[in-house]
C-alpha atoms as a PDB file:
ATOM      1  CA  UNK A   1      85.591 106.389  70.047  1.00  0.00           C
ATOM      2  CA  UNK A   2      82.673 108.775  70.465  1.00  0.00           C
ATOM      3  CA  UNK A   3      81.914 111.735  72.757  1.00  0.00           C
ATOM      4  CA  UNK A   4      78.618 111.725  74.677  1.00  0.00           C
ATOM      5  CA  UNK A   5      77.035 115.059  75.681  1.00  0.00           C
ATOM      6  CA  UNK A   6      73.641 115.830  77.046  1.00  0.00           C
ATOM      7  CA  UNK A   7      71.174 118.646  76.444  1.00  0.00           C
ATOM      8  CA  UNK A   8      69.041 118.538  79.511  1.00  0.00           C
ATOM      9  CA  UNK A   9      66.403 121.111  78.251  1.00  0.00           C
ATOM     10  CA  UNK A  10      65.655 119.124  75.250  1.00  0.00           C
ATOM     11  CA  UNK A  11      65.900 115.672  77.034  1.00  0.00           C
ATOM     12  CA  UNK A  12      68.557 114.634  74.386  1.00  0.00           C
ATOM     13  CA  UNK A  13      71.783 112.685  74.432  1.00  0.00           C
ATOM     14  CA  UNK A  14      74.041 113.600  71.688  1.00  0.00           C
ATOM     15  CA  UNK A  15      76.611 110.807  70.648  1.00  0.00           C
ATOM     16  CA  UNK A  16      79.271 112.303  68.216  1.00  0.00           C
ATOM     17  CA  UNK A  17      82.735 112.278  66.973  1.00  0.00           C
ATOM     18  CA  UNK A  18      85.567 112.290  69.635  1.00  0.00           C
ATOM     19  CA  UNK A  19      85.800 115.841  71.070  1.00  0.00           C
ATOM     20  CA  UNK A  20      89.086 117.783  70.452  1.00  0.00           C
ATOM     21  CA  UNK A  21      88.891 119.521  73.901  1.00  0.00           C
ATOM     22  CA  UNK A  22      87.631 118.598  77.426  1.00  0.00           C
ATOM     23  CA  UNK A  23      84.466 119.844  78.736  1.00  0.00           C
ATOM     24  CA  UNK A  24      82.993 119.164  82.129  1.00  0.00           C
ATOM     25  CA  UNK A  25      79.853 117.461  81.033  1.00  0.00           C
ATOM     26  CA  UNK A  26      81.296 115.485  77.884  1.00  0.00           C
ATOM     27  CA  UNK A  27      82.205 111.742  78.276  1.00  0.00           C
ATOM     28  CA  UNK A  28      84.433 109.889  75.884  1.00  0.00           C
ATOM     29  CA  UNK A  29      83.083 106.297  75.073  1.00  0.00           C
ATOM     30  CA  UNK A  30      84.832 103.381  73.432  1.00  0.00           C
ATOM     31  CA  UNK A  31      83.132 101.772  70.379  1.00  0.00           C
ATOM     32  CA  UNK A  32      81.478  98.985  72.426  1.00  0.00           C
ATOM     33  CA  UNK A  33      79.934 101.361  75.036  1.00  0.00           C
ATOM     34  CA  UNK A  34      78.750 103.832  72.404  1.00  0.00           C
ATOM     35  CA  UNK A  35      77.005 101.179  70.475  1.00  0.00           C
ATOM     36  CA  UNK A  36      75.209  99.984  73.494  1.00  0.00           C
ATOM     37  CA  UNK A  37      74.325 103.381  74.737  1.00  0.00           C
ATOM     38  CA  UNK A  38      70.691 103.819  76.022  1.00  0.00           C
ATOM     39  CA  UNK A  39      69.084 107.101  77.332  1.00  0.00           C
ATOM     40  CA  UNK A  40      66.610 107.588  80.091  1.00  0.00           C
ATOM     41  CA  UNK A  41      62.867 106.966  79.227  1.00  0.00           C
ATOM     42  CA  UNK A  42      61.572 109.997  77.363  1.00  0.00           C
ATOM     43  CA  UNK A  43      64.955 110.977  76.039  1.00  0.00           C
ATOM     44  CA  UNK A  44      66.136 110.870  72.524  1.00  0.00           C
ATOM     45  CA  UNK A  45      69.591 109.766  71.370  1.00  0.00           C
ATOM     46  CA  UNK A  46      71.125 111.628  68.488  1.00  0.00           C
ATOM     47  CA  UNK A  47      73.937 109.688  66.833  1.00  0.00           C
ATOM     48  CA  UNK A  48      76.003 111.908  64.621  1.00  0.00           C
ATOM     49  CA  UNK A  49      77.975 110.219  61.800  1.00  0.00           C
ATOM     50  CA  UNK A  50      81.587 109.701  62.593  1.00  0.00           C
ATOM     51  CA  UNK A  51      84.192 111.112  60.114  1.00  0.00           C
ATOM     52  CA  UNK A  52      85.824 107.902  58.894  1.00  0.00           C
ATOM     53  CA  UNK A  53      88.491 109.923  57.044  1.00  0.00           C
ATOM     54  CA  UNK A  54      90.124 111.194  60.260  1.00  0.00           C
ATOM     55  CA  UNK A  55      90.546 107.761  61.663  1.00  0.00           C
ATOM     56  CA  UNK A  56      94.378 107.944  61.773  1.00  0.00           C
ATOM     57  CA  UNK A  57      96.426 110.176  64.205  1.00  0.00           C
ATOM     58  CA  UNK A  58      96.492 113.764  63.442  1.00  0.00           C
ATOM     59  CA  UNK A  59      99.648 115.923  63.444  1.00  0.00           C
ATOM     60  CA  UNK A  60      98.514 117.310  66.895  1.00  0.00           C
ATOM     61  CA  UNK A  61      98.449 113.649  68.261  1.00  0.00           C
ATOM     62  CA  UNK A  62     101.926 112.979  66.883  1.00  0.00           C
ATOM     63  CA  UNK A  63     103.287 116.166  68.386  1.00  0.00           C
ATOM     64  CA  UNK A  64     101.853 115.510  71.682  1.00  0.00           C
ATOM     65  CA  UNK A  65     103.230 111.830  71.742  1.00  0.00           C
ATOM     66  CA  UNK A  66     106.671 113.336  70.816  1.00  0.00           C
ATOM     67  CA  UNK A  67     106.480 115.981  73.619  1.00  0.00           C
ATOM     68  CA  UNK A  68     105.499 113.281  76.087  1.00  0.00           C
ATOM     69  CA  UNK A  69     108.447 111.102  75.027  1.00  0.00           C
ATOM     70  CA  UNK A  70     110.849 114.089  75.351  1.00  0.00           C
ATOM     71  CA  UNK A  71     109.634 114.960  78.851  1.00  0.00           C
ATOM     72  CA  UNK A  72     109.833 111.453  79.962  1.00  0.00           C
ATOM     73  CA  UNK A  73     113.461 111.099  78.786  1.00  0.00           C
ATOM     74  CA  UNK A  74     114.667 114.225  80.581  1.00  0.00           C
ATOM     75  CA  UNK A  75     116.771 113.286  83.650  1.00  0.00           C
ATOM     76  CA  UNK A  76     115.101 114.002  86.905  1.00  0.00           C
ATOM     77  CA  UNK A  77     116.428 117.086  88.764  1.00  0.00           C
ATOM     78  CA  UNK A  78     118.829 116.034  91.658  1.00  0.00           C
ATOM     79  CA  UNK A  79     117.376 116.227  95.050  1.00  0.00           C
ATOM     80  CA  UNK A  80     118.580 119.180  96.928  1.00  0.00           C
ATOM     81  CA  UNK A  81     119.652 118.129 100.334  1.00  0.00           C
ATOM     82  CA  UNK A  82     121.589 120.182 103.026  1.00  0.00           C
ATOM     83  CA  UNK A  83     125.174 119.106 102.989  1.00  0.00           C
ATOM     84  CA  UNK A  84     126.246 116.934 105.861  1.00  0.00           C
ATOM     85  CA  UNK A  85     128.479 119.583 107.370  1.00  0.00           C
ATOM     86  CA  UNK A  86     125.413 121.944 107.333  1.00  0.00           C
ATOM     87  CA  UNK A  87     123.578 119.419 109.390  1.00  0.00           C
ATOM     88  CA  UNK A  88     126.633 118.935 111.819  1.00  0.00           C
ATOM     89  CA  UNK A  89     126.774 122.854 112.237  1.00  0.00           C
ATOM     90  CA  UNK A  90     123.135 122.687 113.462  1.00  0.00           C
ATOM     91  CA  UNK A  91     124.061 120.224 116.130  1.00  0.00           C
ATOM     92  CA  UNK A  92     122.836 117.124 114.418  1.00  0.00           C
ATOM     93  CA  UNK A  93     124.283 113.980 112.815  1.00  0.00           C
ATOM     94  CA  UNK A  94     123.143 111.993 110.049  1.00  0.00           C
ATOM     95  CA  UNK A  95     122.740 108.399 111.133  1.00  0.00           C
ATOM     96  CA  UNK A  96     120.881 106.995 108.304  1.00  0.00           C
ATOM     97  CA  UNK A  97     119.146 107.278 104.813  1.00  0.00           C
ATOM     98  CA  UNK A  98     116.057 105.837 103.132  1.00  0.00           C
ATOM     99  CA  UNK A  99     115.699 107.039  99.628  1.00  0.00           C
ATOM    100  CA  UNK A 100     115.508 110.910  99.781  1.00  0.00           C
ATOM    101  CA  UNK A 101     114.821 110.934 103.587  1.00  0.00           C
ATOM    102  CA  UNK A 102     117.630 111.132 106.112  1.00  0.00           C
ATOM    103  CA  UNK A 103     117.738 110.233 109.912  1.00  0.00           C
ATOM    104  CA  UNK A 104     119.264 112.861 112.044  1.00  0.00           C
ATOM    105  CA  UNK A 105     120.102 112.680 115.730  1.00  0.00           C
ATOM    106  CA  UNK A 106     120.667 115.893 117.835  1.00  0.00           C
ATOM    107  CA  UNK A 107     123.332 116.115 120.577  1.00  0.00           C
END
């Protein structure tokens, strides 16, 4: 993986190691697309050497993955619906349900 950025003033495309934070004008490319990259006529492409020592996941990557798994394992909060007697007190009656939606009729 590589990150592509542009320097418009210098008419240069810079292809370097994967960025650690998101920027609006930076694009992450897979190996196939970074190898095939071409720039517009008159532009120069700078290919920065990749750091092969950092090829494996870092501690930050592992912690982010663990946080995502913990978040996915949390039970979803129960939907807060008005009790049926509250609906009946307002002059309506529950006649059906579809998922979290209820069909109410009024008298």
